């Protein structure tokens, strides 16, 4: 134990001598989480709060269908309908040109006589039904054609993702179905009134019966929604923890190149003791980083009109998750520093590999937005295990037992990486005997 504390004191003194480096380790992650959260908040999340997606809207119908479609798109609160540009009404030709140039991404063209065509089809259908009911002659209007159709054109820029195109088309079809259903009811009522003059058409239209409610299985009355703050603070806290691979591996290589490791090894001390002393010192650094980033999420981000970070109630589980995530990051850093022969190798491989693992792990883009094969790869990233654990604690109301699989995987990853470093250094000592 004395050997461990001696090695711990040596590592701590090295950190104390580089005050500027210590300040960068603590301030840069905070700056990163603030900037990246602001970028995502004012990029993606505002679409859910304000109409941000401009849609060229050409209503050549100027009747029920076109007007109701316009109202429906505006009520969605995702789109901003553009009907004029510089006081000039948008035409189909103008919309096609602007979308082809990339100035707009979506355009909707409602053709002329859309409402009249739909109304004629419905009137014929109602007339056939009423003739069958009142005159007992179902074939009376059988020969009358009912094949007219209307094509509402939706223009898309090629850069718009297919999933968004499908969502937009689904929304427009839903609006149109509601409009046609209302027209069917109205025309039926009008035909009934012709037959029974005493019948009065109800003032109110048919009201929807089925409604959809979004809720959360956690049972919280007011569930925490996954804002950019909720996603980014744990994401970049984990990223900062794992990026400790750069200073940690640099420290290991510097000891080896300067001969410090050789002098240490002249004492009766094992490689594992040396490694664990480094882990203990840098574990404190990682934990302080995590606390500072959490405090930034709670107190600093609201100063920029951002939602504050909500931690939930599992504080002990969050602390355990932060510790095991730090251990996994430190084990990886020690392995990289031990195997790398030069500072350039450690810096290049360490930084690039962490960026790749972060991208795969869903720290930049949520996993549910990835393809099936990418989601399978994400499950192999230790940064994904850590992120899933924090998200479960912050948003899903999980307990320590609920994140035990992630904790176990991170601890196994730490044990494997430390063991690989120790075995490698034993097989290839810094000095030949």
Protein backbone atom coordinates (compact mmCIF):
# COMPACT_ATOMS: atom_id res chain seq x y z
CA UNK A 1 0.00 0.00 0.00
CA UNK A 2 2.92 2.35 0.74
CA UNK A 3 4.23 1.75 -2.81
CA UNK A 4 0.83 2.68 -4.22
CA UNK A 5 0.64 5.93 -2.25
CA UNK A 6 4.19 6.82 -3.25
CA UNK A 7 3.32 6.30 -6.92
CA UNK A 8 0.07 8.24 -6.41
CA UNK A 9 1.97 11.18 -4.87
CA UNK A 10 4.43 11.16 -7.79
CA UNK A 11 1.57 11.34 -10.33
CA UNK A 12 -0.18 14.10 -8.42
CA UNK A 13 2.98 16.22 -8.23
CA UNK A 14 3.39 15.92 -12.01
CA UNK A 15 -0.14 17.25 -12.52
CA UNK A 16 0.37 20.07 -10.01
CA UNK A 17 3.37 21.34 -11.95
CA UNK A 18 1.27 21.88 -15.08
CA UNK A 19 -1.42 24.27 -13.85
CA UNK A 20 -2.21 25.51 -17.37
CA UNK A 21 -2.76 21.96 -18.57
CA UNK A 22 -5.02 21.26 -15.61
CA UNK A 23 -7.10 24.35 -16.37
CA UNK A 24 -7.49 23.28 -19.99
CA UNK A 25 -8.66 19.82 -18.88
CA UNK A 26 -11.47 21.46 -16.91
CA UNK A 27 -12.42 24.48 -19.02
CA UNK A 28 -12.32 23.07 -22.55
CA UNK A 29 -15.00 20.39 -21.95
CA UNK A 30 -17.30 23.03 -20.43
CA UNK A 31 -16.79 25.32 -23.41
CA UNK A 32 -17.40 22.39 -25.75
CA UNK A 33 -20.67 21.33 -24.12
CA UNK A 34 -22.02 24.90 -24.11
CA UNK A 35 -21.19 25.58 -27.77
CA UNK A 36 -22.39 22.22 -29.12
CA UNK A 37 -25.60 22.32 -27.09
CA UNK A 38 -26.34 25.82 -28.38
CA UNK A 39 -25.73 24.67 -31.95
CA UNK A 40 -28.14 21.76 -31.63
CA UNK A 41 -30.74 23.75 -29.69
CA UNK A 42 -31.00 26.48 -32.30
CA UNK A 43 -30.63 23.99 -35.16
CA UNK A 44 -32.74 20.92 -34.52
CA UNK A 45 -34.87 21.49 -31.44
CA UNK A 46 -36.35 24.82 -32.48
CA UNK A 47 -38.21 22.99 -35.24
CA UNK A 48 -40.40 21.49 -32.53
CA UNK A 49 -41.22 24.92 -31.07
CA UNK A 50 -41.36 27.36 -33.98
CA UNK A 51 -42.21 27.04 -37.69
CA UNK A 52 -38.73 26.80 -39.15
CA UNK A 53 -39.10 24.69 -42.30
CA UNK A 54 -40.25 26.97 -45.14
CA UNK A 55 -42.66 25.28 -47.56
CA UNK A 56 -43.64 26.80 -50.89
CA UNK A 57 -47.43 26.57 -51.05
CA UNK A 58 -49.33 27.09 -54.32
CA UNK A 59 -53.10 26.97 -53.77
CA UNK A 60 -54.68 27.00 -57.24
CA UNK A 61 -57.85 25.46 -55.81
CA UNK A 62 -58.83 28.35 -53.49
CA UNK A 63 -61.67 26.22 -52.16
CA UNK A 64 -62.31 23.81 -49.31
CA UNK A 65 -59.51 21.32 -49.94
CA UNK A 66 -56.81 23.88 -50.65
CA UNK A 67 -57.81 26.14 -47.77
CA UNK A 68 -58.13 23.27 -45.27
CA UNK A 69 -54.77 21.85 -46.39
CA UNK A 70 -53.21 25.23 -45.76
CA UNK A 71 -54.75 25.44 -42.29
CA UNK A 72 -53.61 21.91 -41.46
CA UNK A 73 -49.98 22.52 -42.41
CA UNK A 74 -49.90 25.75 -40.43
CA UNK A 75 -51.40 24.05 -37.36
CA UNK A 76 -48.62 21.45 -37.46
CA UNK A 77 -46.28 24.22 -36.17
CA UNK A 78 -43.33 22.71 -38.00
CA UNK A 79 -43.69 24.45 -41.35
CA UNK A 80 -43.78 28.07 -42.43
CA UNK A 81 -45.90 28.36 -45.57
CA UNK A 82 -44.46 30.66 -48.22
CA UNK A 83 -47.20 31.84 -50.62
CA UNK A 84 -45.51 35.01 -51.85
CA UNK A 85 -41.93 36.04 -52.53
CA UNK A 86 -41.29 39.77 -52.77
CA UNK A 87 -45.07 40.32 -53.02
CA UNK A 88 -45.24 38.00 -56.05
CA UNK A 89 -47.52 34.95 -55.65
CA UNK A 90 -45.64 31.67 -55.89
CA UNK A 91 -46.46 29.63 -59.00
CA UNK A 92 -45.66 26.03 -59.83
CA UNK A 93 -42.90 27.05 -62.22
CA UNK A 94 -41.37 29.35 -59.61
CA UNK A 95 -41.57 26.63 -56.94
CA UNK A 96 -39.88 24.06 -59.19
CA UNK A 97 -37.08 26.51 -60.02
CA UNK A 98 -36.45 27.55 -56.41
CA UNK A 99 -36.40 23.97 -55.17
CA UNK A 100 -34.15 22.88 -58.01
CA UNK A 101 -31.74 25.66 -57.04
CA UNK A 102 -31.76 24.49 -53.42
CA UNK A 103 -33.31 27.71 -52.06
CA UNK A 104 -36.25 25.73 -50.63
CA UNK A 105 -36.62 22.06 -49.75
CA UNK A 106 -40.39 21.43 -50.04
CA UNK A 107 -43.19 22.67 -52.24
CA UNK A 108 -46.91 21.77 -52.34
CA UNK A 109 -49.01 22.38 -55.46
CA UNK A 110 -52.82 22.20 -55.10
CA UNK A 111 -54.25 22.03 -58.66
CA UNK A 112 -57.33 23.87 -59.89
CA UNK A 113 -60.81 22.40 -59.32
CA UNK A 114 -59.52 19.99 -56.67
CA UNK A 115 -62.49 20.59 -54.40
CA UNK A 116 -65.02 20.48 -57.27
CA UNK A 117 -63.63 17.18 -58.56
CA UNK A 118 -63.75 15.58 -55.11
CA UNK A 119 -67.23 17.00 -54.53
CA UNK A 120 -68.48 15.58 -57.84
CA UNK A 121 -67.14 12.11 -57.01
CA UNK A 122 -68.74 12.21 -53.57
CA UNK A 123 -72.07 13.46 -54.95
CA UNK A 124 -72.17 10.61 -57.45
CA UNK A 125 -71.35 8.10 -54.71
CA UNK A 126 -74.07 9.54 -52.48
CA UNK A 127 -76.55 9.58 -55.36
CA UNK A 128 -75.90 5.90 -56.06
CA UNK A 129 -76.39 5.08 -52.39
CA UNK A 130 -79.60 7.10 -52.11
CA UNK A 131 -81.06 5.66 -55.33
CA UNK A 132 -80.45 2.18 -53.99
CA UNK A 133 -82.05 3.11 -50.67
CA UNK A 134 -85.04 5.22 -51.78
CA UNK A 135 -85.87 3.89 -55.24
CA UNK A 136 -84.78 0.33 -54.74
CA UNK A 137 -82.83 0.51 -57.99
CA UNK A 138 -79.11 0.03 -57.27
CA UNK A 139 -78.23 0.00 -60.98
CA UNK A 140 -79.85 3.33 -61.78
CA UNK A 141 -76.57 5.27 -61.95
CA UNK A 142 -74.26 2.35 -62.54
CA UNK A 143 -73.19 3.52 -66.00
CA UNK A 144 -72.18 6.99 -64.90
CA UNK A 145 -68.35 7.19 -64.83
CA UNK A 146 -66.63 7.99 -61.55
CA UNK A 147 -62.96 7.96 -62.57
CA UNK A 148 -61.92 11.59 -62.20
CA UNK A 149 -58.85 12.05 -60.01
CA UNK A 150 -56.74 14.91 -58.71
CA UNK A 151 -52.99 14.89 -58.24
CA UNK A 152 -51.62 17.09 -55.46
CA UNK A 153 -47.94 17.53 -56.28
CA UNK A 154 -45.34 17.62 -53.49
CA UNK A 155 -41.90 18.79 -54.62
CA UNK A 156 -38.82 17.71 -52.66
CA UNK A 157 -35.23 18.82 -52.83
CA UNK A 158 -33.00 15.74 -53.29
CA UNK A 159 -31.19 16.53 -50.02
CA UNK A 160 -34.34 15.93 -47.94
CA UNK A 161 -34.08 12.55 -46.24
CA UNK A 162 -36.49 9.84 -47.32
CA UNK A 163 -37.85 9.40 -43.81
CA UNK A 164 -38.79 13.09 -43.65
CA UNK A 165 -40.38 12.89 -47.11
CA UNK A 166 -42.53 9.96 -45.97
CA UNK A 167 -43.52 11.81 -42.79
CA UNK A 168 -44.54 14.90 -44.75
CA UNK A 169 -46.54 12.88 -47.30
CA UNK A 170 -48.25 11.01 -44.47
CA UNK A 171 -49.26 14.30 -42.83
CA UNK A 172 -50.68 15.72 -46.07
CA UNK A 173 -52.63 12.49 -46.74
CA UNK A 174 -54.06 12.69 -43.23
CA UNK A 175 -55.23 16.26 -43.79
CA UNK A 176 -56.83 15.29 -47.11
CA UNK A 177 -58.61 12.25 -45.61
CA UNK A 178 -60.17 14.41 -42.92
CA UNK A 179 -61.33 16.93 -45.51
CA UNK A 180 -62.91 14.26 -47.73
CA UNK A 181 -64.63 12.64 -44.74
CA UNK A 182 -66.20 15.96 -43.78
CA UNK A 183 -67.36 16.52 -47.36
CA UNK A 184 -68.97 13.07 -47.46
CA UNK A 185 -70.95 13.80 -44.28
CA UNK A 186 -71.99 17.22 -45.54
CA UNK A 187 -73.21 16.00 -48.93
CA UNK A 188 -75.11 13.09 -47.34
CA UNK A 189 -76.87 15.59 -45.09
CA UNK A 190 -77.71 17.81 -48.04
CA UNK A 191 -79.21 14.88 -49.99
CA UNK A 192 -81.23 13.80 -46.97
CA UNK A 193 -82.57 17.34 -46.65
CA UNK A 194 -83.73 17.25 -50.28
CA UNK A 195 -85.76 14.14 -49.57
CA UNK A 196 -86.94 15.20 -46.11
CA UNK A 197 -87.32 19.01 -46.16
CA UNK A 198 -88.04 19.07 -42.42
CA UNK A 199 -84.56 17.69 -41.74
CA UNK A 200 -82.14 20.38 -40.54
CA UNK A 201 -78.43 20.00 -41.07
CA UNK A 202 -76.59 20.06 -37.72
CA UNK A 203 -74.57 23.17 -37.12
CA UNK A 204 -71.49 21.32 -35.84
CA UNK A 205 -69.47 18.86 -37.92
CA UNK A 206 -68.53 15.34 -36.91
CA UNK A 207 -65.95 15.45 -34.12
CA UNK A 208 -63.08 12.99 -33.92
CA UNK A 209 -63.48 10.15 -31.44
CA UNK A 210 -59.99 8.63 -31.34
CA UNK A 211 -57.16 10.71 -29.93
CA UNK A 212 -53.52 9.83 -29.38
CA UNK A 213 -51.72 10.74 -26.16
CA UNK A 214 -47.94 10.64 -25.72
CA UNK A 215 -46.92 9.40 -22.29
CA UNK A 216 -43.96 7.73 -20.63
CA UNK A 217 -43.75 4.26 -19.04
CA UNK A 218 -41.91 5.72 -16.04
CA UNK A 219 -45.27 6.98 -14.77
CA UNK A 220 -43.99 10.49 -14.13
CA UNK A 221 -46.75 13.07 -14.25
CA UNK A 222 -44.45 15.49 -16.01
CA UNK A 223 -41.86 13.49 -17.85
CA UNK A 224 -38.51 15.06 -18.79
CA UNK A 225 -38.30 15.36 -22.55
CA UNK A 226 -34.95 14.58 -24.22
CA UNK A 227 -33.84 18.12 -25.00
CA UNK A 228 -30.49 18.99 -26.51
CA UNK A 229 -29.24 19.64 -22.96
CA UNK A 230 -30.28 16.18 -21.78
CA UNK A 231 -28.53 14.61 -24.74
CA UNK A 232 -25.41 16.76 -24.93
CA UNK A 233 -24.28 17.12 -21.31
CA UNK A 234 -23.82 13.37 -20.68
CA UNK A 235 -22.55 12.91 -24.25
CA UNK A 236 -19.75 15.43 -24.02
CA UNK A 237 -18.97 14.60 -20.40
CA UNK A 238 -18.25 11.06 -21.57
CA UNK A 239 -16.33 12.36 -24.56
CA UNK A 240 -14.16 14.51 -22.27
CA UNK A 241 -13.55 11.55 -19.96
CA UNK A 242 -12.35 9.37 -22.81
CA UNK A 243 -10.31 12.17 -24.34
CA UNK A 244 -8.14 11.93 -21.22
CA UNK A 245 -6.36 9.33 -23.36
CA UNK A 246 -4.22 12.16 -24.81
CA UNK A 247 -2.61 13.52 -21.60
CA UNK A 248 -2.58 10.10 -19.96
CA UNK A 249 -0.82 8.34 -22.83
CA UNK A 250 1.55 11.30 -23.17
CA UNK A 251 2.48 10.95 -19.49
CA UNK A 252 3.23 7.24 -19.93
CA UNK A 253 5.37 7.78 -23.03
CA UNK A 254 7.20 10.70 -21.41
CA UNK A 255 8.12 8.56 -18.40
CA UNK A 256 9.44 5.87 -20.69
CA UNK A 257 11.41 8.21 -22.97
CA UNK A 258 12.97 10.19 -20.12
CA UNK A 259 13.98 7.07 -18.19
CA UNK A 260 11.69 7.75 -15.21
CA UNK A 261 9.96 4.42 -15.63
CA UNK A 262 13.30 2.59 -15.57
CA UNK A 263 14.26 4.29 -12.30
CA UNK A 264 10.87 3.44 -10.84
CA UNK A 265 11.24 -0.18 -11.88
CA UNK A 266 14.54 -0.45 -9.98
CA UNK A 267 12.31 -0.42 -6.92
CA UNK A 268 10.29 -3.52 -5.94
CA UNK A 269 7.06 -2.31 -7.55
CA UNK A 270 4.86 -3.95 -10.19
CA UNK A 271 3.52 -2.45 -13.37
CA UNK A 272 -0.01 -2.88 -12.06
CA UNK A 273 0.80 -0.70 -9.02
CA UNK A 274 2.14 2.03 -11.31
CA UNK A 275 -0.89 1.80 -13.57
CA UNK A 276 -3.38 1.87 -10.70
CA UNK A 277 -1.70 4.95 -9.20
CA UNK A 278 -2.20 6.74 -12.54
CA UNK A 279 -5.81 5.55 -12.58
CA UNK A 280 -6.44 6.92 -9.09
CA UNK A 281 -5.01 10.36 -9.91
CA UNK A 282 -6.74 10.76 -13.26
CA UNK A 283 -9.97 9.33 -11.84
CA UNK A 284 -10.14 12.42 -9.62
CA UNK A 285 -9.58 14.60 -12.68
CA UNK A 286 -12.35 12.84 -14.66
CA UNK A 287 -14.78 13.03 -11.77
CA UNK A 288 -14.15 16.77 -11.34
CA UNK A 289 -14.67 17.19 -15.10
CA UNK A 290 -18.01 15.42 -14.83
CA UNK A 291 -19.16 17.51 -11.88
CA UNK A 292 -18.20 20.76 -13.63
CA UNK A 293 -20.07 19.76 -16.80
CA UNK A 294 -23.16 18.80 -14.82
CA UNK A 295 -23.04 22.15 -13.02
CA UNK A 296 -22.69 23.87 -16.40
CA UNK A 297 -25.81 22.04 -17.60
CA UNK A 298 -27.77 23.07 -14.52
CA UNK A 299 -26.63 26.67 -14.05
CA UNK A 300 -24.69 27.89 -17.10
CA UNK A 301 -26.84 26.74 -20.03
CA UNK A 302 -30.02 28.43 -18.70
CA UNK A 303 -28.16 31.75 -18.98
CA UNK A 304 -28.31 31.20 -22.78
CA UNK A 305 -32.09 30.52 -22.66
CA UNK A 306 -31.45 26.79 -22.78
CA UNK A 307 -33.37 24.18 -20.77
CA UNK A 308 -31.56 23.26 -17.56
CA UNK A 309 -30.20 19.76 -17.08
CA UNK A 310 -32.53 17.49 -15.12
CA UNK A 311 -30.66 14.80 -13.20
CA UNK A 312 -33.57 12.82 -11.85
CA UNK A 313 -33.30 11.44 -8.32
CA UNK A 314 -30.71 8.64 -8.55
CA UNK A 315 -27.70 10.69 -7.43
CA UNK A 316 -25.76 7.75 -6.01
CA UNK A 317 -26.29 5.76 -9.21
CA UNK A 318 -25.15 8.76 -11.27
CA UNK A 319 -21.95 8.98 -9.20
CA UNK A 320 -21.27 5.27 -9.68
CA UNK A 321 -21.92 5.60 -13.40
CA UNK A 322 -19.47 8.52 -13.61
CA UNK A 323 -16.79 6.52 -11.78
CA UNK A 324 -17.06 3.38 -13.91
CA UNK A 325 -17.17 5.49 -17.10
CA UNK A 326 -13.99 7.22 -15.98
CA UNK A 327 -12.36 3.87 -15.22
CA UNK A 328 -13.18 2.60 -18.70
CA UNK A 329 -11.69 5.76 -20.22
CA UNK A 330 -8.55 5.52 -18.09
CA UNK A 331 -8.04 1.85 -18.87
CA UNK A 332 -8.23 2.66 -22.57
CA UNK A 333 -5.80 5.57 -22.19
CA UNK A 334 -3.26 3.44 -20.31
CA UNK A 335 -3.48 0.71 -22.94
CA UNK A 336 -2.94 3.19 -25.78
CA UNK A 337 -0.03 4.87 -23.98
CA UNK A 338 1.61 1.55 -23.17
CA UNK A 339 1.41 0.10 -26.66
CA UNK A 340 2.25 3.31 -28.57
CA UNK A 341 5.95 3.90 -29.23
CA UNK A 342 5.82 7.68 -29.80
CA UNK A 343 3.76 10.69 -28.79
CA UNK A 344 2.57 11.03 -32.40
CA UNK A 345 1.25 7.47 -32.47
CA UNK A 346 -0.58 7.89 -29.16
CA UNK A 347 -2.06 11.29 -30.09
CA UNK A 348 -3.16 10.25 -33.58
CA UNK A 349 -4.58 6.85 -32.69
CA UNK A 350 -6.04 7.95 -29.36
CA UNK A 351 -7.85 11.02 -30.64
CA UNK A 352 -9.15 9.45 -33.86
CA UNK A 353 -10.30 6.26 -32.15
CA UNK A 354 -12.22 8.24 -29.50
CA UNK A 355 -13.92 10.32 -32.20
CA UNK A 356 -14.90 7.12 -34.05
CA UNK A 357 -16.18 5.45 -30.87
CA UNK A 358 -18.13 8.61 -29.99
CA UNK A 359 -19.75 8.74 -33.44
CA UNK A 360 -20.60 5.04 -33.30
CA UNK A 361 -21.82 5.30 -29.74
CA UNK A 362 -24.55 7.83 -30.45
CA UNK A 363 -22.89 10.81 -28.77
CA UNK A 364 -23.25 12.98 -31.87
CA UNK A 365 -26.38 11.54 -33.44
CA UNK A 366 -28.93 9.58 -31.36
CA UNK A 367 -28.82 5.86 -32.09
CA UNK A 368 -32.52 5.70 -33.02
CA UNK A 369 -31.72 7.89 -36.04
CA UNK A 370 -29.10 5.42 -37.29
CA UNK A 371 -29.59 2.51 -39.66
CA UNK A 372 -29.96 -1.05 -38.43
CA UNK A 373 -26.35 -2.07 -39.09
CA UNK A 374 -25.01 1.09 -37.42
CA UNK A 375 -27.15 0.44 -34.34
CA UNK A 376 -25.54 -3.00 -34.05
CA UNK A 377 -22.07 -1.44 -34.26
CA UNK A 378 -23.02 1.16 -31.65
CA UNK A 379 -23.60 -1.60 -29.13
CA UNK A 380 -19.86 -2.37 -29.27
CA UNK A 381 -18.74 1.13 -28.24
CA UNK A 382 -17.91 1.69 -24.54
CA UNK A 383 -18.99 5.30 -24.97
CA UNK A 384 -22.43 4.01 -25.93
CA UNK A 385 -22.61 1.91 -22.75
CA UNK A 386 -21.79 4.96 -20.65
CA UNK A 387 -24.24 7.18 -22.56
CA UNK A 388 -27.06 4.67 -22.28
CA UNK A 389 -26.46 4.42 -18.56
CA UNK A 390 -26.66 8.18 -18.03
CA UNK A 391 -29.70 8.57 -20.28
CA UNK A 392 -31.48 5.80 -18.36
CA UNK A 393 -30.77 7.56 -15.08
CA UNK A 394 -31.61 11.06 -16.32
CA UNK A 395 -34.68 10.34 -18.44
CA UNK A 396 -36.04 6.86 -17.85
CA UNK A 397 -35.99 6.99 -14.06
CA UNK A 398 -33.84 3.87 -13.81
CA UNK A 399 -32.16 2.86 -10.56
CA UNK A 400 -28.66 1.50 -9.96
CA UNK A 401 -29.97 -2.00 -10.67
CA UNK A 402 -31.44 -0.79 -13.96
CA UNK A 403 -28.04 0.32 -15.27
CA UNK A 404 -26.14 -2.66 -13.88
CA UNK A 405 -25.56 -4.18 -17.37
CA UNK A 406 -23.85 -0.96 -18.53
CA UNK A 407 -21.80 -0.76 -15.32
CA UNK A 408 -20.71 -4.39 -15.69
CA UNK A 409 -19.64 -3.89 -19.32
CA UNK A 410 -17.63 -0.77 -18.46
CA UNK A 411 -15.87 -2.51 -15.56
CA UNK A 412 -15.04 -5.50 -17.77
CA UNK A 413 -13.68 -3.12 -20.42
CA UNK A 414 -11.50 -1.44 -17.76
CA UNK A 415 -10.19 -4.79 -16.49
CA UNK A 416 -9.40 -6.00 -20.01
CA UNK A 417 -7.58 -2.84 -21.10
CA UNK A 418 -5.52 -2.61 -17.88
CA UNK A 419 -4.63 -6.30 -18.18
CA UNK A 420 -3.59 -5.87 -21.82
CA UNK A 421 -1.34 -2.94 -20.82
CA UNK A 422 0.23 -4.89 -17.94
CA UNK A 423 0.83 -8.02 -20.03
CA UNK A 424 2.29 -5.98 -22.89
CA UNK A 425 4.66 -4.11 -20.58
CA UNK A 426 5.70 -7.39 -18.90
CA UNK A 427 6.48 -8.99 -22.25
CA UNK A 428 8.16 -5.82 -23.54
CA UNK A 429 9.78 -4.05 -20.56
CA UNK A 430 11.20 -0.53 -21.08
CA UNK A 431 14.71 -1.90 -20.61
CA UNK A 432 16.10 -5.27 -21.60
CA UNK A 433 17.62 -7.36 -18.84
